[in-house]
PDB file of N, CA and C in Angstrom:
ATOM      1  N   MET A   1      80.894 107.943  99.462  1.00  0.00           N
ATOM      2  CA  MET A   1      82.188 107.341  99.734  1.00  0.00           C
ATOM      3  C   MET A   1      82.511 106.346  98.610  1.00  0.00           C
ATOM      4  N   THR A   2      83.752 106.330  98.209  1.00  0.00           N
ATOM      5  CA  THR A   2      84.210 105.419  97.177  1.00  0.00           C
ATOM      6  C   THR A   2      84.461 104.042  97.767  1.00  0.00           C
ATOM      7  N   SER A   3      84.004 103.020  97.074  1.00  0.00           N
ATOM      8  CA  SER A   3      84.255 101.643  97.495  1.00  0.00           C
ATOM      9  C   SER A   3      85.659 101.237  97.056  1.00  0.00           C
ATOM     10  N   LEU A   4      86.415 100.643  97.966  1.00  0.00           N
ATOM     11  CA  LEU A   4      87.784 100.222  97.681  1.00  0.00           C
ATOM     12  C   LEU A   4      87.894  98.713  97.623  1.00  0.00           C
ATOM     13  N   THR A   5      88.813  98.224  96.797  1.00  0.00           N
ATOM     14  CA  THR A   5      89.183  96.814  96.844  1.00  0.00           C
ATOM     15  C   THR A   5      90.453  96.729  97.681  1.00  0.00           C
ATOM     16  N   VAL A   6      90.436  95.832  98.660  1.00  0.00           N
ATOM     17  CA  VAL A   6      91.496  95.779  99.658  1.00  0.00           C
ATOM     18  C   VAL A   6      92.112  94.384  99.694  1.00  0.00           C
ATOM     19  N   LEU A   7      93.421  94.327  99.577  1.00  0.00           N
ATOM     20  CA  LEU A   7      94.157  93.077  99.762  1.00  0.00           C
ATOM     21  C   LEU A   7      94.656  93.065 101.200  1.00  0.00           C
ATOM     22  N   VAL A   8      94.250  92.062 101.962  1.00  0.00           N
ATOM     23  CA  VAL A   8      94.609  91.963 103.374  1.00  0.00           C
ATOM     24  C   VAL A   8      95.663  90.872 103.524  1.00  0.00           C
ATOM     25  N   VAL A   9      96.899  91.279 103.761  1.00  0.00           N
ATOM     26  CA  VAL A   9      98.018  90.347 103.914  1.00  0.00           C
ATOM     27  C   VAL A   9      98.143  90.048 105.411  1.00  0.00           C
ATOM     28  N   GLU A  10      97.533  88.957 105.808  1.00  0.00           N
ATOM     29  CA  GLU A  10      97.428  88.594 107.229  1.00  0.00           C
ATOM     30  C   GLU A  10      97.405  87.073 107.341  1.00  0.00           C
ATOM     31  N   ASP A  11      98.321  86.522 108.136  1.00  0.00           N
ATOM     32  CA  ASP A  11      98.413  85.066 108.221  1.00  0.00           C
ATOM     33  C   ASP A  11      97.534  84.445 109.309  1.00  0.00           C
ATOM     34  N   GLU A  12      96.829  85.258 110.072  1.00  0.00           N
ATOM     35  CA  GLU A  12      95.902  84.721 111.060  1.00  0.00           C
ATOM     36  C   GLU A  12      94.489  84.829 110.501  1.00  0.00           C
ATOM     37  N   THR A  13      93.881  83.689 110.218  1.00  0.00           N
ATOM     38  CA  THR A  13      92.602  83.623 109.533  1.00  0.00           C
ATOM     39  C   THR A  13      91.497  84.369 110.271  1.00  0.00           C
ATOM     40  N   LEU A  14      91.431  84.226 111.575  1.00  0.00           N
ATOM     41  CA  LEU A  14      90.385  84.888 112.349  1.00  0.00           C
ATOM     42  C   LEU A  14      90.498  86.410 112.241  1.00  0.00           C
ATOM     43  N   ILE A  15      91.696  86.928 112.329  1.00  0.00           N
ATOM     44  CA  ILE A  15      91.901  88.374 112.210  1.00  0.00           C
ATOM     45  C   ILE A  15      91.509  88.844 110.811  1.00  0.00           C
ATOM     46  N   ALA A  16      91.908  88.099 109.786  1.00  0.00           N
ATOM     47  CA  ALA A  16      91.552  88.464 108.415  1.00  0.00           C
ATOM     48  C   ALA A  16      90.036  88.467 108.230  1.00  0.00           C
ATOM     49  N   GLU A  17      89.358  87.526 108.834  1.00  0.00           N
ATOM     50  CA  GLU A  17      87.898  87.460 108.722  1.00  0.00           C
ATOM     51  C   GLU A  17      87.244  88.666 109.401  1.00  0.00           C
ATOM     52  N   ILE A  18      87.739  89.057 110.553  1.00  0.00           N
ATOM     53  CA  ILE A  18      87.207  90.237 111.244  1.00  0.00           C
ATOM     54  C   ILE A  18      87.423  91.489 110.398  1.00  0.00           C
ATOM     55  N   ILE A  19      88.593  91.610 109.803  1.00  0.00           N
ATOM     56  CA  ILE A  19      88.876  92.754 108.930  1.00  0.00           C
ATOM     57  C   ILE A  19      87.926  92.754 107.740  1.00  0.00           C
ATOM     58  N   ARG A  20      87.684  91.572 107.153  1.00  0.00           N
ATOM     59  CA  ARG A  20      86.760  91.464 106.014  1.00  0.00           C
ATOM     60  C   ARG A  20      85.375  91.970 106.402  1.00  0.00           C
ATOM     61  N   ILE A  21      84.902  91.568 107.577  1.00  0.00           N
ATOM     62  CA  ILE A  21      83.582  91.996 108.038  1.00  0.00           C
ATOM     63  C   ILE A  21      83.540  93.513 108.183  1.00  0.00           C
ATOM     64  N   TYR A  22      84.537  94.095 108.832  1.00  0.00           N
ATOM     65  CA  TYR A  22      84.596  95.548 108.993  1.00  0.00           C
ATOM     66  C   TYR A  22      84.617  96.258 107.641  1.00  0.00           C
ATOM     67  N   LEU A  23      85.416  95.746 106.712  1.00  0.00           N
ATOM     68  CA  LEU A  23      85.497  96.365 105.395  1.00  0.00           C
ATOM     69  C   LEU A  23      84.149  96.324 104.687  1.00  0.00           C
ATOM     70  N   GLU A  24      83.494  95.164 104.702  1.00  0.00           N
ATOM     71  CA  GLU A  24      82.205  95.030 104.023  1.00  0.00           C
ATOM     72  C   GLU A  24      81.135  95.901 104.666  1.00  0.00           C
ATOM     73  N   GLU A  25      81.160  96.040 105.989  1.00  0.00           N
ATOM     74  CA  GLU A  25      80.206  96.917 106.674  1.00  0.00           C
ATOM     75  C   GLU A  25      80.355  98.363 106.226  1.00  0.00           C
ATOM     76  N   ARG A  26      81.535  98.715 105.780  1.00  0.00           N
ATOM     77  CA  ARG A  26      81.804 100.081 105.338  1.00  0.00           C
ATOM     78  C   ARG A  26      81.777 100.229 103.811  1.00  0.00           C
ATOM     79  N   GLY A  27      81.307  99.184 103.124  1.00  0.00           N
ATOM     80  CA  GLY A  27      81.125  99.263 101.683  1.00  0.00           C
ATOM     81  C   GLY A  27      82.331  98.930 100.837  1.00  0.00           C
ATOM     82  N   HIS A  28      83.360  98.342 101.437  1.00  0.00           N
ATOM     83  CA  HIS A  28      84.567  97.973 100.694  1.00  0.00           C
ATOM     84  C   HIS A  28      84.585  96.456 100.465  1.00  0.00           C
ATOM     85  N   LYS A  29      85.510  96.007  99.634  1.00  0.00           N
ATOM     86  CA  LYS A  29      85.588  94.579  99.309  1.00  0.00           C
ATOM     87  C   LYS A  29      87.008  94.059  99.525  1.00  0.00           C
ATOM     88  N   MET A  30      87.125  93.004 100.310  1.00  0.00           N
ATOM     89  CA  MET A  30      88.408  92.333 100.480  1.00  0.00           C
ATOM     90  C   MET A  30      88.582  91.385  99.295  1.00  0.00           C
ATOM     91  N   VAL A  31      89.616  91.600  98.504  1.00  0.00           N
ATOM     92  CA  VAL A  31      89.799  90.817  97.282  1.00  0.00           C
ATOM     93  C   VAL A  31      90.737  89.637  97.455  1.00  0.00           C
ATOM     94  N   GLY A  32      91.373  89.528  98.597  1.00  0.00           N
ATOM     95  CA  GLY A  32      92.255  88.395  98.822  1.00  0.00           C
ATOM     96  C   GLY A  32      92.839  88.443 100.213  1.00  0.00           C
ATOM     97  N   ASN A  33      93.363  87.285 100.631  1.00  0.00           N
ATOM     98  CA  ASN A  33      93.980  87.178 101.949  1.00  0.00           C
ATOM     99  C   ASN A  33      95.222  86.303 101.875  1.00  0.00           C
ATOM    100  N   PRO A  34      96.291  86.809 101.226  1.00  0.00           N
ATOM    101  CA  PRO A  34      97.540  86.053 101.202  1.00  0.00           C
ATOM    102  C   PRO A  34      98.155  85.992 102.596  1.00  0.00           C
ATOM    103  N   ILE A  35      98.883  84.903 102.849  1.00  0.00           N
ATOM    104  CA  ILE A  35      99.483  84.718 104.181  1.00  0.00           C
ATOM    105  C   ILE A  35     101.007  84.759 104.153  1.00  0.00           C
ATOM    106  N   SER A  36     101.587  84.894 102.983  1.00  0.00           N
ATOM    107  CA  SER A  36     103.048  84.903 102.863  1.00  0.00           C
ATOM    108  C   SER A  36     103.467  85.968 101.848  1.00  0.00           C
ATOM    109  N   TYR A  37     104.748  86.248 101.821  1.00  0.00           N
ATOM    110  CA  TYR A  37     105.306  87.220 100.881  1.00  0.00           C
ATOM    111  C   TYR A  37     104.974  86.834  99.440  1.00  0.00           C
ATOM    112  N   ASP A  38     105.257  85.581  99.074  1.00  0.00           N
ATOM    113  CA  ASP A  38     105.029  85.148  97.693  1.00  0.00           C
ATOM    114  C   ASP A  38     103.562  85.269  97.300  1.00  0.00           C
ATOM    115  N   GLU A  39     102.658  84.871  98.189  1.00  0.00           N
ATOM    116  CA  GLU A  39     101.234  84.992  97.906  1.00  0.00           C
ATOM    117  C   GLU A  39     100.826  86.462  97.806  1.00  0.00           C
ATOM    118  N   ALA A  40     101.404  87.303  98.645  1.00  0.00           N
ATOM    119  CA  ALA A  40     101.080  88.732  98.621  1.00  0.00           C
ATOM    120  C   ALA A  40     101.489  89.360  97.296  1.00  0.00           C
ATOM    121  N   VAL A  41     102.698  89.088  96.844  1.00  0.00           N
ATOM    122  CA  VAL A  41     103.168  89.654  95.574  1.00  0.00           C
ATOM    123  C   VAL A  41     102.288  89.163  94.428  1.00  0.00           C
ATOM    124  N   ALA A  42     101.961  87.880  94.421  1.00  0.00           N
ATOM    125  CA  ALA A  42     101.082  87.343  93.374  1.00  0.00           C
ATOM    126  C   ALA A  42      99.715  88.027  93.416  1.00  0.00           C
ATOM    127  N   GLY A  43      99.179  88.230  94.615  1.00  0.00           N
ATOM    128  CA  GLY A  43      97.884  88.885  94.749  1.00  0.00           C
ATOM    129  C   GLY A  43      97.912  90.338  94.304  1.00  0.00           C
ATOM    130  N   ILE A  44      98.991  91.025  94.606  1.00  0.00           N
ATOM    131  CA  ILE A  44      99.140  92.416  94.178  1.00  0.00           C
ATOM    132  C   ILE A  44      99.135  92.503  92.658  1.00  0.00           C
ATOM    133  N   ILE A  45      99.837  91.590  92.022  1.00  0.00           N
ATOM    134  CA  ILE A  45      99.942  91.598  90.561  1.00  0.00           C
ATOM    135  C   ILE A  45      98.625  91.211  89.912  1.00  0.00           C
ATOM    136  N   THR A  46      97.989  90.146  90.394  1.00  0.00           N
ATOM    137  CA  THR A  46      96.799  89.630  89.715  1.00  0.00           C
ATOM    138  C   THR A  46      95.497  90.311  90.123  1.00  0.00           C
ATOM    139  N   LEU A  47      95.367  90.690  91.391  1.00  0.00           N
ATOM    140  CA  LEU A  47      94.100  91.240  91.879  1.00  0.00           C
ATOM    141  C   LEU A  47      93.999  92.751  91.737  1.00  0.00           C
ATOM    142  N   LYS A  48      95.139  93.429  91.612  1.00  0.00           N
ATOM    143  CA  LYS A  48      95.195  94.876  91.418  1.00  0.00           C
ATOM    144  C   LYS A  48      94.317  95.633  92.430  1.00  0.00           C
ATOM    145  N   PRO A  49      94.623  95.484  93.719  1.00  0.00           N
ATOM    146  CA  PRO A  49      93.807  96.158  94.738  1.00  0.00           C
ATOM    147  C   PRO A  49      94.027  97.674  94.738  1.00  0.00           C
ATOM    148  N   ASP A  50      93.090  98.372  95.373  1.00  0.00           N
ATOM    149  CA  ASP A  50      93.228  99.815  95.544  1.00  0.00           C
ATOM    150  C   ASP A  50      94.161 100.155  96.693  1.00  0.00           C
ATOM    151  N   ILE A  51      94.234  99.272  97.673  1.00  0.00           N
ATOM    152  CA  ILE A  51      95.080  99.459  98.847  1.00  0.00           C
ATOM    153  C   ILE A  51      95.447  98.092  99.411  1.00  0.00           C
ATOM    154  N   VAL A  52      96.569  98.018 100.102  1.00  0.00           N
ATOM    155  CA  VAL A  52      97.028  96.775 100.722  1.00  0.00           C
ATOM    156  C   VAL A  52      97.186  97.010 102.222  1.00  0.00           C
ATOM    157  N   LEU A  53      96.592  96.132 103.029  1.00  0.00           N
ATOM    158  CA  LEU A  53      96.788  96.147 104.474  1.00  0.00           C
ATOM    159  C   LEU A  53      97.783  95.047 104.807  1.00  0.00           C
ATOM    160  N   LEU A  54      98.857  95.395 105.516  1.00  0.00           N
ATOM    161  CA  LEU A  54      99.965  94.471 105.745  1.00  0.00           C
ATOM    162  C   LEU A  54     100.168  94.151 107.221  1.00  0.00           C
ATOM    163  N   ASP A  55     100.141  92.877 107.535  1.00  0.00           N
ATOM    164  CA  ASP A  55     100.632  92.417 108.837  1.00  0.00           C
ATOM    165  C   ASP A  55     102.155  92.368 108.718  1.00  0.00           C
ATOM    166  N   ILE A  56     102.853  92.723 109.751  1.00  0.00           N
ATOM    167  CA  ILE A  56     104.315  92.703 109.675  1.00  0.00           C
ATOM    168  C   ILE A  56     104.838  91.275 109.729  1.00  0.00           C
ATOM    169  N   ARG A  57     104.306  90.476 110.630  1.00  0.00           N
ATOM    170  CA  ARG A  57     104.750  89.079 110.737  1.00  0.00           C
ATOM    171  C   ARG A  57     103.869  88.197 109.853  1.00  0.00           C
ATOM    172  N   LEU A  58     104.514  87.488 108.933  1.00  0.00           N
ATOM    173  CA  LEU A  58     103.806  86.619 108.001  1.00  0.00           C
ATOM    174  C   LEU A  58     104.348  85.203 108.074  1.00  0.00           C
ATOM    175  N   TYR A  59     103.618  84.297 107.463  1.00  0.00           N
ATOM    176  CA  TYR A  59     104.063  82.921 107.345  1.00  0.00           C
ATOM    177  C   TYR A  59     105.253  82.889 106.391  1.00  0.00           C
ATOM    178  N   GLY A  60     106.326  82.224 106.779  1.00  0.00           N
ATOM    179  CA  GLY A  60     107.495  82.092 105.912  1.00  0.00           C
ATOM    180  C   GLY A  60     108.640  82.975 106.352  1.00  0.00           C
ATOM    181  N   ASP A  61     109.652  83.019 105.499  1.00  0.00           N
ATOM    182  CA  ASP A  61     110.893  83.729 105.821  1.00  0.00           C
ATOM    183  C   ASP A  61     110.796  85.244 105.684  1.00  0.00           C
ATOM    184  N   LYS A  62     109.932  85.728 104.817  1.00  0.00           N
ATOM    185  CA  LYS A  62     109.837  87.168 104.583  1.00  0.00           C
ATOM    186  C   LYS A  62     108.638  87.737 105.344  1.00  0.00           C
ATOM    187  N   SER A  63     108.703  89.043 105.587  1.00  0.00           N
ATOM    188  CA  SER A  63     107.688  89.694 106.409  1.00  0.00           C
ATOM    189  C   SER A  63     106.892  90.722 105.603  1.00  0.00           C
ATOM    190  N   GLY A  64     105.956  91.354 106.286  1.00  0.00           N
ATOM    191  CA  GLY A  64     105.216  92.444 105.690  1.00  0.00           C
ATOM    192  C   GLY A  64     106.117  93.610 105.316  1.00  0.00           C
ATOM    193  N   LEU A  65     107.222  93.758 106.017  1.00  0.00           N
ATOM    194  CA  LEU A  65     108.195  94.798 105.663  1.00  0.00           C
ATOM    195  C   LEU A  65     108.788  94.518 104.286  1.00  0.00           C
ATOM    196  N   ASP A  66     108.999  93.243 103.974  1.00  0.00           N
ATOM    197  CA  ASP A  66     109.500  92.875 102.645  1.00  0.00           C
ATOM    198  C   ASP A  66     108.456  93.160 101.568  1.00  0.00           C
ATOM    199  N   VAL A  67     107.192  92.922 101.889  1.00  0.00           N
ATOM    200  CA  VAL A  67     106.115  93.244 100.940  1.00  0.00           C
ATOM    201  C   VAL A  67     106.090  94.752 100.707  1.00  0.00           C
ATOM    202  N   ALA A  68     106.229  95.542 101.769  1.00  0.00           N
ATOM    203  CA  ALA A  68     106.263  97.002 101.630  1.00  0.00           C
ATOM    204  C   ALA A  68     107.429  97.440 100.742  1.00  0.00           C
ATOM    205  N   ALA A  69     108.586  96.812 100.915  1.00  0.00           N
ATOM    206  CA  ALA A  69     109.744  97.145 100.076  1.00  0.00           C
ATOM    207  C   ALA A  69     109.450  96.814  98.616  1.00  0.00           C
ATOM    208  N   TYR A  70     108.786  95.682  98.373  1.00  0.00           N
ATOM    209  CA  TYR A  70     108.393  95.325  97.005  1.00  0.00           C
ATOM    210  C   TYR A  70     107.476  96.408  96.428  1.00  0.00           C
ATOM    211  N   LEU A  71     106.485  96.811  97.218  1.00  0.00           N
ATOM    212  CA  LEU A  71     105.546  97.827  96.742  1.00  0.00           C
ATOM    213  C   LEU A  71     106.252  99.139  96.431  1.00  0.00           C
ATOM    214  N   ARG A  72     107.132  99.571  97.289  1.00  0.00           N
ATOM    215  CA  ARG A  72     107.848 100.834  97.064  1.00  0.00           C
ATOM    216  C   ARG A  72     108.674 100.794  95.785  1.00  0.00           C
ATOM    217  N   LYS A  73     109.229  99.633  95.495  1.00  0.00           N
ATOM    218  CA  LYS A  73     110.087  99.500  94.318  1.00  0.00           C
ATOM    219  C   LYS A  73     109.282  99.289  93.034  1.00  0.00           C
ATOM    220  N   HIS A  74     108.291  98.387  93.084  1.00  0.00           N
ATOM    221  CA  HIS A  74     107.599  97.957  91.868  1.00  0.00           C
ATOM    222  C   HIS A  74     106.245  98.618  91.634  1.00  0.00           C
ATOM    223  N   GLN A  75     105.596  99.077  92.695  1.00  0.00           N
ATOM    224  CA  GLN A  75     104.278  99.700  92.556  1.00  0.00           C
ATOM    225  C   GLN A  75     104.177 100.884  93.517  1.00  0.00           C
ATOM    226  N   PRO A  76     104.986 101.908  93.294  1.00  0.00           N
ATOM    227  CA  PRO A  76     105.061 103.020  94.256  1.00  0.00           C
ATOM    228  C   PRO A  76     103.761 103.810  94.408  1.00  0.00           C
ATOM    229  N   ASP A  77     102.845 103.706  93.470  1.00  0.00           N
ATOM    230  CA  ASP A  77     101.582 104.437  93.569  1.00  0.00           C
ATOM    231  C   ASP A  77     100.499 103.671  94.328  1.00  0.00           C
ATOM    232  N   LEU A  78     100.763 102.412  94.657  1.00  0.00           N
ATOM    233  CA  LEU A  78      99.776 101.605  95.378  1.00  0.00           C
ATOM    234  C   LEU A  78      99.941 101.848  96.876  1.00  0.00           C
ATOM    235  N   PRO A  79      98.916 102.427  97.524  1.00  0.00           N
ATOM    236  CA  PRO A  79      99.051 102.709  98.957  1.00  0.00           C
ATOM    237  C   PRO A  79      98.975 101.427  99.796  1.00  0.00           C
ATOM    238  N   PHE A  80      99.640 101.464 100.938  1.00  0.00           N
ATOM    239  CA  PHE A  80      99.578 100.348 101.872  1.00  0.00           C
ATOM    240  C   PHE A  80      99.623 100.886 103.293  1.00  0.00           C
ATOM    241  N   MET A  81      99.117 100.070 104.201  1.00  0.00           N
ATOM    242  CA  MET A  81      99.142 100.400 105.624  1.00  0.00           C
ATOM    243  C   MET A  81      99.546  99.148 106.383  1.00  0.00           C
ATOM    244  N   PHE A  82     100.294  99.336 107.468  1.00  0.00           N
ATOM    245  CA  PHE A  82     100.624  98.227 108.339  1.00  0.00           C
ATOM    246  C   PHE A  82      99.515  98.026 109.358  1.00  0.00           C
ATOM    247  N   LEU A  83      99.219  96.776 109.653  1.00  0.00           N
ATOM    248  CA  LEU A  83      98.246  96.433 110.675  1.00  0.00           C
ATOM    249  C   LEU A  83      98.964  96.293 112.016  1.00  0.00           C
ATOM    250  N   GLU A  84      98.405  96.892 113.030  1.00  0.00           N
ATOM    251  CA  GLU A  84      98.948  96.740 114.381  1.00  0.00           C
ATOM    252  C   GLU A  84      97.818  96.199 115.249  1.00  0.00           C
ATOM    253  N   LEU A  85      97.811  94.908 115.418  1.00  0.00           N
ATOM    254  CA  LEU A  85      96.756  94.254 116.185  1.00  0.00           C
ATOM    255  C   LEU A  85      97.364  93.544 117.374  1.00  0.00           C
ATOM    256  N   GLU A  86      96.716  93.657 118.493  1.00  0.00           N
ATOM    257  CA  GLU A  86      97.230  92.983 119.688  1.00  0.00           C
ATOM    258  C   GLU A  86      96.172  92.096 120.267  1.00  0.00           C
TER     259      GLU A  86
END
């Protein structure tokens, strides 16, 4: 299995930590945990992850949907998934 670098855009620290543990158990690496749109875009540009996991509700005015729109426009080859946690 290929090891992936994963950017986890999640504003709840406990949830992000649980995701990090799951990723590491499966041989992947969480490269960042931005909590807002601006932090997410900066992380995408600087960290160059293999995939982005997006929470829809984020800290601030913009959401994970806005991050997805950024990705579709500026980095269409970078895969992303929305997180649905309850």
